[in-house]
Amino acid sequence: MTTFVDASLIAADSALRTLFAPHRAGRPCPTVAEPLQADATPLHDTDKRLSGALMRVNHVGEICAQALYTSQALAARLGPGTPAQKQRLARHLEAAGQEETDHLAWCKQRLDELGDRPSLLNPLWYAGAFGIGLLAGRLGDKVSLGFVVETERQVEAHLDSHMDRLPAHDHASRAIVAQMKDDEVRHARDAQHAGAVELPVPVQGLMRLAAKVMTTVAHRI
C-alpha cells in the first residue's frame, strides 16, 4: 500500500528527475526516410529559431505530461478501491508516462541540435500540471481517465498545428512530432477503453485556455 509519505517521496523524486536529470528514451529517436535525408538542406537562422521555439513548446508539453501522469498515478494509488483496482489504473498511467519520457528526451535532443534551450519556466509548468493532475485523480478513476482523453485530444490538435508551422525541410523535427502525435492518439484511445468519461464542455474550455497560456509563454521564455 502506498502511504502519504511514500507518495510525497515519489512525487519529489519524479519532479527532480524530470526537471534536472538527463532523460534517456526507451525507443530510438524518430528519423526521416533516406530520400529525405539525401534532400536535406541546412536550416536558415530564421527557420532554426522557429523550429527551436516550437520544439521548446513541445518540450514544455512533455514536462507537463510527466507531472500529470505522475500525479494521477499517485492519486490512483491513494484513492478508494481495491488494491488490484488501484494498482491497475496506476500502472496504466505510468506506462503512458514512460512513453512521454521518450518524447521528452527526443524534444531535448532536437533542441540541442537546433542550438536552442528549454523553457526557463519549466519548474512552474511542472508544479501547475502536477496540481491539476492530482485534482483530476482525486475526482475518481473515470474522471481521471477522461482528463487523459481530453488532454491527449488537445495535444493531438496542438501537434497538428506544429506540423503546419514547422519549416517544410526540417525533417528531423517533423519526424519527432509525427511520432509523438501517433502516441498521443493511442494514449487517448487506451484511456477511453479503460472507462473514461467525457468531461463537461466548460472544463474542456478551461483546459484549452490553460494550454494556450502555456504555449504562448513557452514559445518565447
N, C-alpha and C. Protein backbone atom coordinates (compact mmCIF):
# COMPACT_ATOMS: atom_id res chain seq x y z
N MET A 1 0.84 -1.20 0.00
CA MET A 1 0.00 0.00 0.00
C MET A 1 0.87 1.25 0.00
N THR A 2 0.51 2.24 -0.77
CA THR A 2 1.24 3.49 -0.83
C THR A 2 0.72 4.44 0.24
N THR A 3 1.61 4.92 1.10
CA THR A 3 1.23 5.87 2.13
C THR A 3 1.44 7.29 1.63
N PHE A 4 0.95 8.25 2.42
CA PHE A 4 1.13 9.65 2.03
C PHE A 4 2.61 10.00 1.97
N VAL A 5 3.39 9.48 2.92
CA VAL A 5 4.83 9.75 2.92
C VAL A 5 5.48 9.16 1.68
N ASP A 6 5.10 7.92 1.35
CA ASP A 6 5.61 7.29 0.13
C ASP A 6 5.29 8.15 -1.10
N ALA A 7 4.04 8.59 -1.18
CA ALA A 7 3.60 9.40 -2.31
C ALA A 7 4.39 10.69 -2.41
N SER A 8 4.64 11.31 -1.27
CA SER A 8 5.39 12.57 -1.26
C SER A 8 6.81 12.36 -1.76
N LEU A 9 7.44 11.27 -1.32
CA LEU A 9 8.81 10.99 -1.76
C LEU A 9 8.86 10.66 -3.24
N ILE A 10 7.87 9.90 -3.71
CA ILE A 10 7.81 9.56 -5.13
C ILE A 10 7.62 10.82 -5.97
N ALA A 11 6.74 11.70 -5.49
CA ALA A 11 6.48 12.94 -6.22
C ALA A 11 7.72 13.82 -6.29
N ALA A 12 8.43 13.94 -5.17
CA ALA A 12 9.64 14.76 -5.16
C ALA A 12 10.71 14.17 -6.08
N ASP A 13 10.87 12.85 -6.03
CA ASP A 13 11.87 12.20 -6.88
C ASP A 13 11.54 12.39 -8.35
N SER A 14 10.26 12.23 -8.70
CA SER A 14 9.85 12.40 -10.09
C SER A 14 10.10 13.82 -10.57
N ALA A 15 9.78 14.80 -9.73
CA ALA A 15 9.98 16.20 -10.12
C ALA A 15 11.46 16.49 -10.37
N LEU A 16 12.31 16.02 -9.48
CA LEU A 16 13.75 16.27 -9.63
C LEU A 16 14.30 15.60 -10.88
N ARG A 17 13.85 14.37 -11.13
CA ARG A 17 14.33 13.66 -12.31
C ARG A 17 13.86 14.34 -13.60
N THR A 18 12.60 14.76 -13.60
CA THR A 18 12.05 15.39 -14.80
C THR A 18 12.72 16.72 -15.11
N LEU A 19 12.95 17.52 -14.06
CA LEU A 19 13.43 18.89 -14.27
C LEU A 19 14.94 18.98 -14.40
N PHE A 20 15.69 18.06 -13.77
CA PHE A 20 17.13 18.28 -13.68
C PHE A 20 18.00 17.12 -14.17
N ALA A 21 17.45 15.94 -14.31
CA ALA A 21 18.26 14.79 -14.73
C ALA A 21 18.20 14.63 -16.25
N PRO A 22 19.27 14.10 -16.86
CA PRO A 22 19.20 13.79 -18.29
C PRO A 22 18.16 12.70 -18.53
N HIS A 23 17.48 12.77 -19.66
CA HIS A 23 16.43 11.81 -19.96
C HIS A 23 16.90 10.86 -21.06
N ARG A 24 16.63 9.59 -20.85
CA ARG A 24 17.02 8.56 -21.81
C ARG A 24 15.76 7.90 -22.35
N ALA A 25 15.62 7.95 -23.65
CA ALA A 25 14.43 7.36 -24.28
C ALA A 25 14.57 5.85 -24.34
N GLY A 26 13.45 5.17 -24.18
CA GLY A 26 13.46 3.72 -24.33
C GLY A 26 13.37 3.28 -25.77
N ARG A 27 13.00 4.22 -26.65
CA ARG A 27 12.90 3.95 -28.08
C ARG A 27 13.84 4.88 -28.84
N PRO A 28 14.33 4.46 -29.98
CA PRO A 28 15.18 5.36 -30.77
C PRO A 28 14.42 6.60 -31.19
N CYS A 29 15.13 7.70 -31.32
CA CYS A 29 14.51 8.93 -31.79
C CYS A 29 14.04 8.74 -33.23
N PRO A 30 12.82 9.15 -33.54
CA PRO A 30 12.33 9.01 -34.93
C PRO A 30 13.25 9.71 -35.92
N THR A 31 13.42 9.09 -37.05
CA THR A 31 14.27 9.66 -38.09
C THR A 31 13.48 9.74 -39.39
N VAL A 32 14.06 10.40 -40.35
CA VAL A 32 13.40 10.57 -41.64
C VAL A 32 13.88 9.50 -42.61
N ALA A 33 13.10 9.28 -43.65
CA ALA A 33 13.46 8.28 -44.65
C ALA A 33 14.71 8.71 -45.41
N GLU A 34 15.39 7.75 -45.97
CA GLU A 34 16.64 8.01 -46.69
C GLU A 34 16.51 9.07 -47.78
N PRO A 35 15.49 9.01 -48.65
CA PRO A 35 15.38 10.04 -49.68
C PRO A 35 15.30 11.45 -49.11
N LEU A 36 14.60 11.61 -47.99
CA LEU A 36 14.51 12.93 -47.38
C LEU A 36 15.84 13.35 -46.79
N GLN A 37 16.57 12.40 -46.21
CA GLN A 37 17.89 12.71 -45.68
C GLN A 37 18.81 13.21 -46.79
N ALA A 38 18.71 12.58 -47.94
CA ALA A 38 19.57 12.99 -49.05
C ALA A 38 19.22 14.39 -49.55
N ASP A 39 17.92 14.74 -49.42
CA ASP A 39 17.47 16.04 -49.91
C ASP A 39 17.56 17.15 -48.85
N ALA A 40 18.03 16.79 -47.64
CA ALA A 40 18.03 17.76 -46.54
C ALA A 40 18.93 18.95 -46.86
N THR A 41 18.45 20.14 -46.52
CA THR A 41 19.23 21.36 -46.69
C THR A 41 19.36 22.02 -45.33
N PRO A 42 20.47 22.72 -45.09
CA PRO A 42 20.63 23.38 -43.79
C PRO A 42 19.52 24.39 -43.54
N LEU A 43 19.11 24.49 -42.28
CA LEU A 43 18.09 25.46 -41.93
C LEU A 43 18.70 26.85 -41.81
N HIS A 44 18.02 27.84 -42.37
CA HIS A 44 18.44 29.22 -42.17
C HIS A 44 18.19 29.62 -40.73
N ASP A 45 18.81 30.69 -40.29
CA ASP A 45 18.68 31.11 -38.89
C ASP A 45 17.23 31.35 -38.50
N THR A 46 16.46 31.94 -39.41
CA THR A 46 15.05 32.21 -39.10
C THR A 46 14.29 30.91 -38.89
N ASP A 47 14.53 29.93 -39.76
CA ASP A 47 13.86 28.64 -39.62
C ASP A 47 14.31 27.92 -38.36
N LYS A 48 15.60 28.03 -38.03
CA LYS A 48 16.10 27.38 -36.82
C LYS A 48 15.44 27.98 -35.59
N ARG A 49 15.27 29.29 -35.58
CA ARG A 49 14.62 29.93 -34.43
C ARG A 49 13.17 29.48 -34.30
N LEU A 50 12.48 29.39 -35.44
CA LEU A 50 11.09 28.95 -35.41
C LEU A 50 11.00 27.50 -34.92
N SER A 51 11.82 26.63 -35.49
CA SER A 51 11.80 25.23 -35.06
C SER A 51 12.16 25.11 -33.59
N GLY A 52 13.15 25.89 -33.16
CA GLY A 52 13.55 25.84 -31.76
C GLY A 52 12.42 26.27 -30.84
N ALA A 53 11.72 27.32 -31.21
CA ALA A 53 10.60 27.79 -30.38
C ALA A 53 9.50 26.75 -30.31
N LEU A 54 9.18 26.13 -31.44
CA LEU A 54 8.12 25.13 -31.46
C LEU A 54 8.52 23.87 -30.69
N MET A 55 9.77 23.45 -30.82
CA MET A 55 10.21 22.28 -30.08
C MET A 55 10.34 22.58 -28.59
N ARG A 56 10.61 23.84 -28.23
CA ARG A 56 10.61 24.21 -26.81
C ARG A 56 9.20 24.08 -26.24
N VAL A 57 8.20 24.52 -27.00
CA VAL A 57 6.81 24.36 -26.57
C VAL A 57 6.47 22.88 -26.40
N ASN A 58 6.92 22.05 -27.34
CA ASN A 58 6.66 20.62 -27.24
C ASN A 58 7.37 20.02 -26.02
N HIS A 59 8.57 20.51 -25.75
CA HIS A 59 9.32 20.04 -24.58
C HIS A 59 8.57 20.39 -23.30
N VAL A 60 8.02 21.60 -23.23
CA VAL A 60 7.21 22.00 -22.07
C VAL A 60 6.00 21.09 -21.94
N GLY A 61 5.37 20.77 -23.06
CA GLY A 61 4.23 19.87 -23.02
C GLY A 61 4.59 18.52 -22.41
N GLU A 62 5.79 18.04 -22.70
CA GLU A 62 6.22 16.76 -22.15
C GLU A 62 6.61 16.88 -20.68
N ILE A 63 7.13 18.04 -20.27
CA ILE A 63 7.35 18.29 -18.85
C ILE A 63 6.02 18.20 -18.11
N CYS A 64 5.00 18.83 -18.67
CA CYS A 64 3.66 18.80 -18.07
C CYS A 64 3.09 17.38 -18.08
N ALA A 65 3.35 16.63 -19.14
CA ALA A 65 2.84 15.26 -19.21
C ALA A 65 3.44 14.41 -18.10
N GLN A 66 4.73 14.59 -17.81
CA GLN A 66 5.35 13.85 -16.71
C GLN A 66 4.66 14.17 -15.40
N ALA A 67 4.39 15.46 -15.18
CA ALA A 67 3.73 15.87 -13.94
C ALA A 67 2.32 15.32 -13.85
N LEU A 68 1.58 15.39 -14.95
CA LEU A 68 0.20 14.92 -14.96
C LEU A 68 0.12 13.42 -14.68
N TYR A 69 0.88 12.63 -15.42
CA TYR A 69 0.78 11.19 -15.25
C TYR A 69 1.30 10.75 -13.88
N THR A 70 2.35 11.40 -13.38
CA THR A 70 2.86 11.05 -12.06
C THR A 70 1.83 11.35 -10.97
N SER A 71 1.24 12.55 -11.03
CA SER A 71 0.27 12.92 -10.00
C SER A 71 -1.00 12.09 -10.09
N GLN A 72 -1.45 11.79 -11.29
CA GLN A 72 -2.65 10.97 -11.43
C GLN A 72 -2.42 9.54 -10.96
N ALA A 73 -1.22 9.01 -11.23
CA ALA A 73 -0.90 7.66 -10.74
C ALA A 73 -0.84 7.64 -9.22
N LEU A 74 -0.28 8.68 -8.62
CA LEU A 74 -0.22 8.75 -7.16
C LEU A 74 -1.63 8.85 -6.58
N ALA A 75 -2.47 9.68 -7.19
CA ALA A 75 -3.85 9.81 -6.72
C ALA A 75 -4.58 8.48 -6.82
N ALA A 76 -4.31 7.73 -7.88
CA ALA A 76 -4.96 6.42 -8.04
C ALA A 76 -4.55 5.48 -6.92
N ARG A 77 -3.29 5.48 -6.56
CA ARG A 77 -2.82 4.58 -5.51
C ARG A 77 -3.34 4.97 -4.13
N LEU A 78 -3.58 6.25 -3.93
CA LEU A 78 -4.06 6.74 -2.63
C LEU A 78 -5.58 6.77 -2.54
N GLY A 79 -6.26 6.59 -3.65
CA GLY A 79 -7.71 6.74 -3.68
C GLY A 79 -8.46 5.49 -3.25
N PRO A 80 -9.79 5.55 -3.36
CA PRO A 80 -10.62 4.40 -2.98
C PRO A 80 -10.50 3.26 -3.98
N GLY A 81 -11.01 2.11 -3.57
CA GLY A 81 -10.98 0.94 -4.45
C GLY A 81 -10.11 -0.16 -3.87
N THR A 82 -10.19 -1.31 -4.49
CA THR A 82 -9.38 -2.44 -4.03
C THR A 82 -7.93 -2.22 -4.44
N PRO A 83 -6.99 -2.87 -3.74
CA PRO A 83 -5.58 -2.75 -4.15
C PRO A 83 -5.36 -3.10 -5.62
N ALA A 84 -6.06 -4.12 -6.11
CA ALA A 84 -5.89 -4.53 -7.52
C ALA A 84 -6.37 -3.43 -8.46
N GLN A 85 -7.51 -2.82 -8.14
CA GLN A 85 -8.04 -1.74 -8.99
C GLN A 85 -7.09 -0.55 -9.00
N LYS A 86 -6.62 -0.16 -7.84
CA LYS A 86 -5.72 0.99 -7.74
C LYS A 86 -4.41 0.73 -8.48
N GLN A 87 -3.91 -0.49 -8.33
CA GLN A 87 -2.65 -0.85 -9.00
C GLN A 87 -2.82 -0.85 -10.51
N ARG A 88 -3.96 -1.35 -10.98
CA ARG A 88 -4.19 -1.43 -12.42
C ARG A 88 -4.22 -0.05 -13.06
N LEU A 89 -4.95 0.89 -12.46
CA LEU A 89 -5.02 2.24 -13.02
C LEU A 89 -3.66 2.94 -12.93
N ALA A 90 -2.98 2.79 -11.80
CA ALA A 90 -1.68 3.43 -11.64
C ALA A 90 -0.69 2.94 -12.70
N ARG A 91 -0.71 1.65 -12.94
CA ARG A 91 0.21 1.10 -13.95
C ARG A 91 -0.15 1.55 -15.35
N HIS A 92 -1.45 1.69 -15.61
CA HIS A 92 -1.89 2.22 -16.92
C HIS A 92 -1.32 3.62 -17.13
N LEU A 93 -1.44 4.47 -16.12
CA LEU A 93 -0.95 5.84 -16.23
C LEU A 93 0.57 5.89 -16.32
N GLU A 94 1.24 5.06 -15.56
CA GLU A 94 2.70 5.06 -15.57
C GLU A 94 3.26 4.56 -16.89
N ALA A 95 2.57 3.61 -17.53
CA ALA A 95 3.02 3.12 -18.83
C ALA A 95 2.94 4.22 -19.88
N ALA A 96 1.84 4.98 -19.86
CA ALA A 96 1.73 6.10 -20.79
C ALA A 96 2.79 7.16 -20.47
N GLY A 97 3.03 7.38 -19.17
CA GLY A 97 4.06 8.34 -18.78
C GLY A 97 5.44 7.97 -19.26
N GLN A 98 5.73 6.67 -19.33
CA GLN A 98 7.04 6.23 -19.81
C GLN A 98 7.23 6.61 -21.28
N GLU A 99 6.18 6.47 -22.08
CA GLU A 99 6.29 6.88 -23.48
C GLU A 99 6.46 8.40 -23.58
N GLU A 100 5.84 9.13 -22.65
CA GLU A 100 6.03 10.58 -22.65
C GLU A 100 7.47 10.93 -22.30
N THR A 101 8.15 10.06 -21.53
CA THR A 101 9.57 10.27 -21.25
C THR A 101 10.39 10.19 -22.54
N ASP A 102 10.00 9.27 -23.43
CA ASP A 102 10.65 9.21 -24.75
C ASP A 102 10.50 10.55 -25.46
N HIS A 103 9.28 11.08 -25.45
CA HIS A 103 9.03 12.37 -26.11
C HIS A 103 9.89 13.47 -25.51
N LEU A 104 10.00 13.45 -24.19
CA LEU A 104 10.80 14.47 -23.51
C LEU A 104 12.26 14.40 -23.95
N ALA A 105 12.79 13.19 -24.02
CA ALA A 105 14.18 13.01 -24.45
C ALA A 105 14.38 13.43 -25.90
N TRP A 106 13.43 13.07 -26.76
CA TRP A 106 13.54 13.43 -28.18
C TRP A 106 13.51 14.95 -28.37
N CYS A 107 12.58 15.61 -27.66
CA CYS A 107 12.48 17.07 -27.80
C CYS A 107 13.74 17.76 -27.32
N LYS A 108 14.30 17.28 -26.21
CA LYS A 108 15.53 17.89 -25.69
C LYS A 108 16.68 17.67 -26.67
N GLN A 109 16.76 16.48 -27.24
CA GLN A 109 17.81 16.19 -28.22
C GLN A 109 17.69 17.13 -29.41
N ARG A 110 16.47 17.34 -29.88
CA ARG A 110 16.28 18.20 -31.05
C ARG A 110 16.58 19.65 -30.71
N LEU A 111 16.22 20.09 -29.51
CA LEU A 111 16.57 21.45 -29.08
C LEU A 111 18.08 21.64 -29.10
N ASP A 112 18.81 20.65 -28.60
CA ASP A 112 20.29 20.74 -28.60
C ASP A 112 20.81 20.83 -30.03
N GLU A 113 20.25 20.04 -30.92
CA GLU A 113 20.69 20.06 -32.31
C GLU A 113 20.43 21.42 -32.97
N LEU A 114 19.35 22.05 -32.56
CA LEU A 114 18.99 23.36 -33.12
C LEU A 114 19.72 24.51 -32.43
N GLY A 115 20.48 24.19 -31.39
CA GLY A 115 21.19 25.23 -30.65
C GLY A 115 20.26 26.08 -29.81
N ASP A 116 19.14 25.50 -29.39
CA ASP A 116 18.15 26.25 -28.60
C ASP A 116 18.07 25.65 -27.21
N ARG A 117 17.20 26.20 -26.36
CA ARG A 117 17.14 25.81 -24.95
C ARG A 117 15.71 25.48 -24.54
N PRO A 118 15.56 24.73 -23.43
CA PRO A 118 14.22 24.51 -22.88
C PRO A 118 13.67 25.79 -22.26
N SER A 119 12.42 25.77 -21.89
CA SER A 119 11.80 26.91 -21.24
C SER A 119 12.46 27.18 -19.88
N LEU A 120 12.62 28.44 -19.55
CA LEU A 120 13.18 28.83 -18.26
C LEU A 120 12.16 28.63 -17.13
N LEU A 121 10.91 28.42 -17.50
CA LEU A 121 9.84 28.32 -16.51
C LEU A 121 9.40 26.87 -16.28
N ASN A 122 10.24 25.91 -16.64
CA ASN A 122 9.84 24.51 -16.50
C ASN A 122 9.41 24.11 -15.09
N PRO A 123 10.09 24.59 -14.03
CA PRO A 123 9.60 24.24 -12.68
C PRO A 123 8.17 24.73 -12.43
N LEU A 124 7.85 25.90 -12.95
CA LEU A 124 6.49 26.42 -12.80
C LEU A 124 5.49 25.57 -13.56
N TRP A 125 5.82 25.23 -14.81
CA TRP A 125 4.91 24.39 -15.60
C TRP A 125 4.69 23.05 -14.91
N TYR A 126 5.77 22.47 -14.39
CA TYR A 126 5.65 21.16 -13.74
C TYR A 126 4.74 21.25 -12.52
N ALA A 127 4.97 22.25 -11.68
CA ALA A 127 4.18 22.38 -10.46
C ALA A 127 2.70 22.57 -10.78
N GLY A 128 2.39 23.42 -11.76
CA GLY A 128 1.00 23.65 -12.12
C GLY A 128 0.33 22.39 -12.65
N ALA A 129 1.04 21.67 -13.53
CA ALA A 129 0.47 20.45 -14.10
C ALA A 129 0.30 19.37 -13.03
N PHE A 130 1.23 19.30 -12.10
CA PHE A 130 1.13 18.30 -11.04
C PHE A 130 -0.12 18.55 -10.20
N GLY A 131 -0.36 19.80 -9.86
CA GLY A 131 -1.55 20.12 -9.08
C GLY A 131 -2.84 19.80 -9.81
N ILE A 132 -2.88 20.10 -11.11
CA ILE A 132 -4.07 19.81 -11.91
C ILE A 132 -4.29 18.29 -12.01
N GLY A 133 -3.21 17.55 -12.23
CA GLY A 133 -3.33 16.10 -12.33
C GLY A 133 -3.76 15.47 -11.02
N LEU A 134 -3.27 16.00 -9.91
CA LEU A 134 -3.66 15.47 -8.60
C LEU A 134 -5.14 15.70 -8.36
N LEU A 135 -5.62 16.89 -8.73
CA LEU A 135 -7.05 17.19 -8.58
C LEU A 135 -7.89 16.25 -9.44
N ALA A 136 -7.47 16.07 -10.70
CA ALA A 136 -8.22 15.17 -11.59
C ALA A 136 -8.25 13.75 -11.03
N GLY A 137 -7.12 13.31 -10.49
CA GLY A 137 -7.04 11.97 -9.94
C GLY A 137 -7.92 11.78 -8.72
N ARG A 138 -8.05 12.81 -7.92
CA ARG A 138 -8.86 12.71 -6.70
C ARG A 138 -10.35 12.71 -7.00
N LEU A 139 -10.73 13.08 -8.20
CA LEU A 139 -12.15 13.09 -8.57
C LEU A 139 -12.66 11.73 -9.01
N GLY A 140 -11.78 10.74 -9.04
CA GLY A 140 -12.21 9.39 -9.37
C GLY A 140 -11.55 8.87 -10.63
N ASP A 141 -11.53 7.55 -10.75
CA ASP A 141 -10.82 6.90 -11.85
C ASP A 141 -11.37 7.31 -13.21
N LYS A 142 -12.71 7.32 -13.35
CA LYS A 142 -13.29 7.61 -14.66
C LYS A 142 -13.03 9.06 -15.07
N VAL A 143 -13.09 9.98 -14.10
CA VAL A 143 -12.79 11.38 -14.40
C VAL A 143 -11.31 11.54 -14.74
N SER A 144 -10.46 10.86 -13.98
CA SER A 144 -9.02 10.94 -14.24
C SER A 144 -8.70 10.46 -15.65
N LEU A 145 -9.31 9.35 -16.05
CA LEU A 145 -9.11 8.85 -17.41
C LEU A 145 -9.73 9.79 -18.44
N GLY A 146 -10.87 10.40 -18.10
CA GLY A 146 -11.46 11.38 -19.00
C GLY A 146 -10.56 12.58 -19.20
N PHE A 147 -9.86 12.96 -18.14
CA PHE A 147 -8.90 14.05 -18.23
C PHE A 147 -7.75 13.68 -19.18
N VAL A 148 -7.32 12.42 -19.11
CA VAL A 148 -6.28 11.94 -20.04
C VAL A 148 -6.76 12.05 -21.48
N VAL A 149 -7.99 11.60 -21.72
CA VAL A 149 -8.54 11.63 -23.08
C VAL A 149 -8.58 13.06 -23.62
N GLU A 150 -9.12 13.98 -22.83
CA GLU A 150 -9.25 15.36 -23.30
C GLU A 150 -7.88 16.01 -23.47
N THR A 151 -6.96 15.73 -22.56
CA THR A 151 -5.61 16.28 -22.68
C THR A 151 -4.96 15.81 -23.97
N GLU A 152 -5.05 14.51 -24.24
CA GLU A 152 -4.40 13.95 -25.42
C GLU A 152 -5.07 14.45 -26.70
N ARG A 153 -6.38 14.67 -26.68
CA ARG A 153 -7.05 15.24 -27.85
C ARG A 153 -6.52 16.64 -28.14
N GLN A 154 -6.36 17.43 -27.10
CA GLN A 154 -5.87 18.79 -27.29
C GLN A 154 -4.40 18.78 -27.73
N VAL A 155 -3.62 17.85 -27.18
CA VAL A 155 -2.23 17.74 -27.61
C VAL A 155 -2.15 17.33 -29.08
N GLU A 156 -3.02 16.42 -29.48
CA GLU A 156 -3.05 15.99 -30.89
C GLU A 156 -3.30 17.19 -31.80
N ALA A 157 -4.27 18.02 -31.45
CA ALA A 157 -4.57 19.20 -32.26
C ALA A 157 -3.40 20.17 -32.27
N HIS A 158 -2.77 20.30 -31.12
CA HIS A 158 -1.60 21.18 -31.00
C HIS A 158 -0.46 20.69 -31.88
N LEU A 159 -0.21 19.39 -31.89
CA LEU A 159 0.86 18.84 -32.72
C LEU A 159 0.53 18.97 -34.21
N ASP A 160 -0.73 18.84 -34.55
CA ASP A 160 -1.16 19.06 -35.93
C ASP A 160 -0.80 20.48 -36.38
N SER A 161 -1.04 21.45 -35.49
CA SER A 161 -0.73 22.84 -35.84
C SER A 161 0.77 23.03 -36.01
N HIS A 162 1.57 22.30 -35.23
CA HIS A 162 3.01 22.41 -35.36
C HIS A 162 3.50 21.80 -36.67
N MET A 163 2.85 20.75 -37.13
CA MET A 163 3.22 20.18 -38.42
C MET A 163 2.98 21.19 -39.54
N ASP A 164 1.97 22.02 -39.37
CA ASP A 164 1.70 23.06 -40.36
C ASP A 164 2.72 24.20 -40.27
N ARG A 165 3.24 24.46 -39.07
CA ARG A 165 4.11 25.62 -38.86
C ARG A 165 5.60 25.32 -38.98
N LEU A 166 6.00 24.09 -38.74
CA LEU A 166 7.43 23.76 -38.85
C LEU A 166 7.91 23.95 -40.28
N PRO A 167 9.14 24.43 -40.46
CA PRO A 167 9.67 24.55 -41.82
C PRO A 167 9.57 23.22 -42.57
N ALA A 168 9.18 23.29 -43.82
CA ALA A 168 8.93 22.07 -44.60
C ALA A 168 10.17 21.18 -44.68
N HIS A 169 11.36 21.77 -44.66
CA HIS A 169 12.57 20.97 -44.80
C HIS A 169 13.22 20.64 -43.46
N ASP A 170 12.53 20.94 -42.35
CA ASP A 170 13.02 20.49 -41.04
C ASP A 170 12.48 19.08 -40.79
N HIS A 171 13.04 18.13 -41.54
CA HIS A 171 12.52 16.78 -41.49
C HIS A 171 12.72 16.13 -40.12
N ALA A 172 13.81 16.47 -39.43
CA ALA A 172 14.08 15.85 -38.14
C ALA A 172 13.01 16.20 -37.11
N SER A 173 12.68 17.49 -37.02
CA SER A 173 11.64 17.91 -36.07
C SER A 173 10.29 17.33 -36.45
N ARG A 174 10.00 17.31 -37.73
CA ARG A 174 8.70 16.82 -38.19
C ARG A 174 8.54 15.32 -37.90
N ALA A 175 9.63 14.56 -38.00
CA ALA A 175 9.55 13.13 -37.70
C ALA A 175 9.23 12.90 -36.23
N ILE A 176 9.84 13.70 -35.36
CA ILE A 176 9.57 13.58 -33.93
C ILE A 176 8.12 13.93 -33.62
N VAL A 177 7.65 15.04 -34.16
CA VAL A 177 6.28 15.48 -33.89
C VAL A 177 5.28 14.45 -34.41
N ALA A 178 5.54 13.87 -35.56
CA ALA A 178 4.62 12.88 -36.13
C ALA A 178 4.50 11.65 -35.22
N GLN A 179 5.64 11.17 -34.69
CA GLN A 179 5.59 10.01 -33.80
C GLN A 179 4.91 10.36 -32.48
N MET A 180 5.17 11.56 -31.97
CA MET A 180 4.51 11.99 -30.75
C MET A 180 3.00 12.00 -30.93
N LYS A 181 2.54 12.51 -32.07
CA LYS A 181 1.10 12.56 -32.33
C LYS A 181 0.51 11.16 -32.34
N ASP A 182 1.17 10.21 -32.99
CA ASP A 182 0.67 8.84 -33.03
C ASP A 182 0.53 8.27 -31.62
N ASP A 183 1.51 8.54 -30.77
CA ASP A 183 1.48 8.04 -29.40
C ASP A 183 0.34 8.67 -28.61
N GLU A 184 0.13 9.97 -28.79
CA GLU A 184 -0.92 10.66 -28.03
C GLU A 184 -2.30 10.14 -28.43
N VAL A 185 -2.50 9.87 -29.71
CA VAL A 185 -3.78 9.31 -30.17
C VAL A 185 -4.03 7.97 -29.50
N ARG A 186 -2.99 7.16 -29.40
CA ARG A 186 -3.13 5.84 -28.77
C ARG A 186 -3.41 5.98 -27.27
N HIS A 187 -2.75 6.92 -26.61
CA HIS A 187 -3.00 7.12 -25.18
C HIS A 187 -4.46 7.49 -24.92
N ALA A 188 -5.00 8.36 -25.77
CA ALA A 188 -6.41 8.74 -25.61
C ALA A 188 -7.32 7.55 -25.84
N ARG A 189 -7.03 6.76 -26.86
CA ARG A 189 -7.85 5.59 -27.17
C ARG A 189 -7.79 4.56 -26.02
N ASP A 190 -6.60 4.35 -25.48
CA ASP A 190 -6.46 3.39 -24.37
C ASP A 190 -7.23 3.86 -23.13
N ALA A 191 -7.19 5.16 -22.86
CA ALA A 191 -7.91 5.70 -21.71
C ALA A 191 -9.42 5.55 -21.90
N GLN A 192 -9.88 5.75 -23.13
CA GLN A 192 -11.32 5.55 -23.41
C GLN A 192 -11.72 4.11 -23.15
N HIS A 193 -10.91 3.18 -23.62
CA HIS A 193 -11.22 1.76 -23.43
C HIS A 193 -11.17 1.36 -21.96
N ALA A 194 -10.38 2.11 -21.16
CA ALA A 194 -10.26 1.79 -19.74
C ALA A 194 -11.41 2.34 -18.92
N GLY A 195 -12.34 3.10 -19.55
CA GLY A 195 -13.52 3.55 -18.84
C GLY A 195 -13.63 5.05 -18.62
N ALA A 196 -12.96 5.85 -19.44
CA ALA A 196 -13.01 7.30 -19.27
C ALA A 196 -14.41 7.85 -19.51
N VAL A 197 -14.72 8.94 -18.81
CA VAL A 197 -15.97 9.67 -19.06
C VAL A 197 -15.64 10.97 -19.76
N GLU A 198 -16.61 11.48 -20.51
CA GLU A 198 -16.43 12.75 -21.21
C GLU A 198 -16.48 13.89 -20.20
N LEU A 199 -15.52 14.79 -20.25
CA LEU A 199 -15.50 15.92 -19.35
C LEU A 199 -16.51 16.98 -19.79
N PRO A 200 -17.08 17.74 -18.85
CA PRO A 200 -18.01 18.81 -19.24
C PRO A 200 -17.34 19.83 -20.16
N VAL A 201 -18.13 20.41 -21.05
CA VAL A 201 -17.61 21.37 -22.01
C VAL A 201 -16.89 22.54 -21.34
N PRO A 202 -17.42 23.12 -20.25
CA PRO A 202 -16.68 24.22 -19.61
C PRO A 202 -15.29 23.80 -19.13
N VAL A 203 -15.18 22.57 -18.65
CA VAL A 203 -13.86 22.08 -18.20
C VAL A 203 -12.91 21.96 -19.40
N GLN A 204 -13.43 21.46 -20.51
CA GLN A 204 -12.61 21.36 -21.71
C GLN A 204 -12.12 22.74 -22.14
N GLY A 205 -13.01 23.74 -22.04
CA GLY A 205 -12.63 25.10 -22.40
C GLY A 205 -11.55 25.65 -21.49
N LEU A 206 -11.65 25.39 -20.19
CA LEU A 206 -10.63 25.84 -19.25
C LEU A 206 -9.29 25.18 -19.55
N MET A 207 -9.32 23.93 -19.92
CA MET A 207 -8.08 23.22 -20.26
C MET A 207 -7.44 23.84 -21.50
N ARG A 208 -8.26 24.19 -22.49
CA ARG A 208 -7.72 24.82 -23.70
C ARG A 208 -7.12 26.18 -23.38
N LEU A 209 -7.77 26.93 -22.49
CA LEU A 209 -7.26 28.24 -22.10
C LEU A 209 -5.92 28.12 -21.39
N ALA A 210 -5.82 27.17 -20.46
CA ALA A 210 -4.56 26.97 -19.75
C ALA A 210 -3.45 26.56 -20.70
N ALA A 211 -3.79 25.69 -21.66
CA ALA A 211 -2.79 25.26 -22.64
C ALA A 211 -2.34 26.42 -23.52
N LYS A 212 -3.28 27.31 -23.87
CA LYS A 212 -2.95 28.46 -24.70
C LYS A 212 -1.97 29.39 -23.99
N VAL A 213 -2.20 29.61 -22.70
CA VAL A 213 -1.28 30.45 -21.92
C VAL A 213 0.10 29.83 -21.89
N MET A 214 0.15 28.53 -21.62
CA MET A 214 1.43 27.84 -21.53
C MET A 214 2.19 27.89 -22.85
N THR A 215 1.52 27.57 -23.95
CA THR A 215 2.22 27.52 -25.24
C THR A 215 2.67 28.91 -25.69
N THR A 216 1.87 29.91 -25.40
CA THR A 216 2.23 31.28 -25.80
C THR A 216 3.47 31.76 -25.06
N VAL A 217 3.50 31.52 -23.75
CA VAL A 217 4.63 31.97 -22.95
C VAL A 217 5.88 31.15 -23.27
N ALA A 218 5.71 29.82 -23.36
CA ALA A 218 6.86 28.94 -23.59
C ALA A 218 7.49 29.16 -24.95
N HIS A 219 6.72 29.68 -25.91
CA HIS A 219 7.28 29.95 -27.24
C HIS A 219 8.44 30.93 -27.15
N ARG A 220 8.41 31.80 -26.14
CA ARG A 220 9.44 32.83 -26.02
C ARG A 220 10.35 32.65 -24.81
N ILE A 221 9.81 32.13 -23.73
CA ILE A 221 10.58 32.09 -22.48
C ILE A 221 10.90 30.65 -22.08
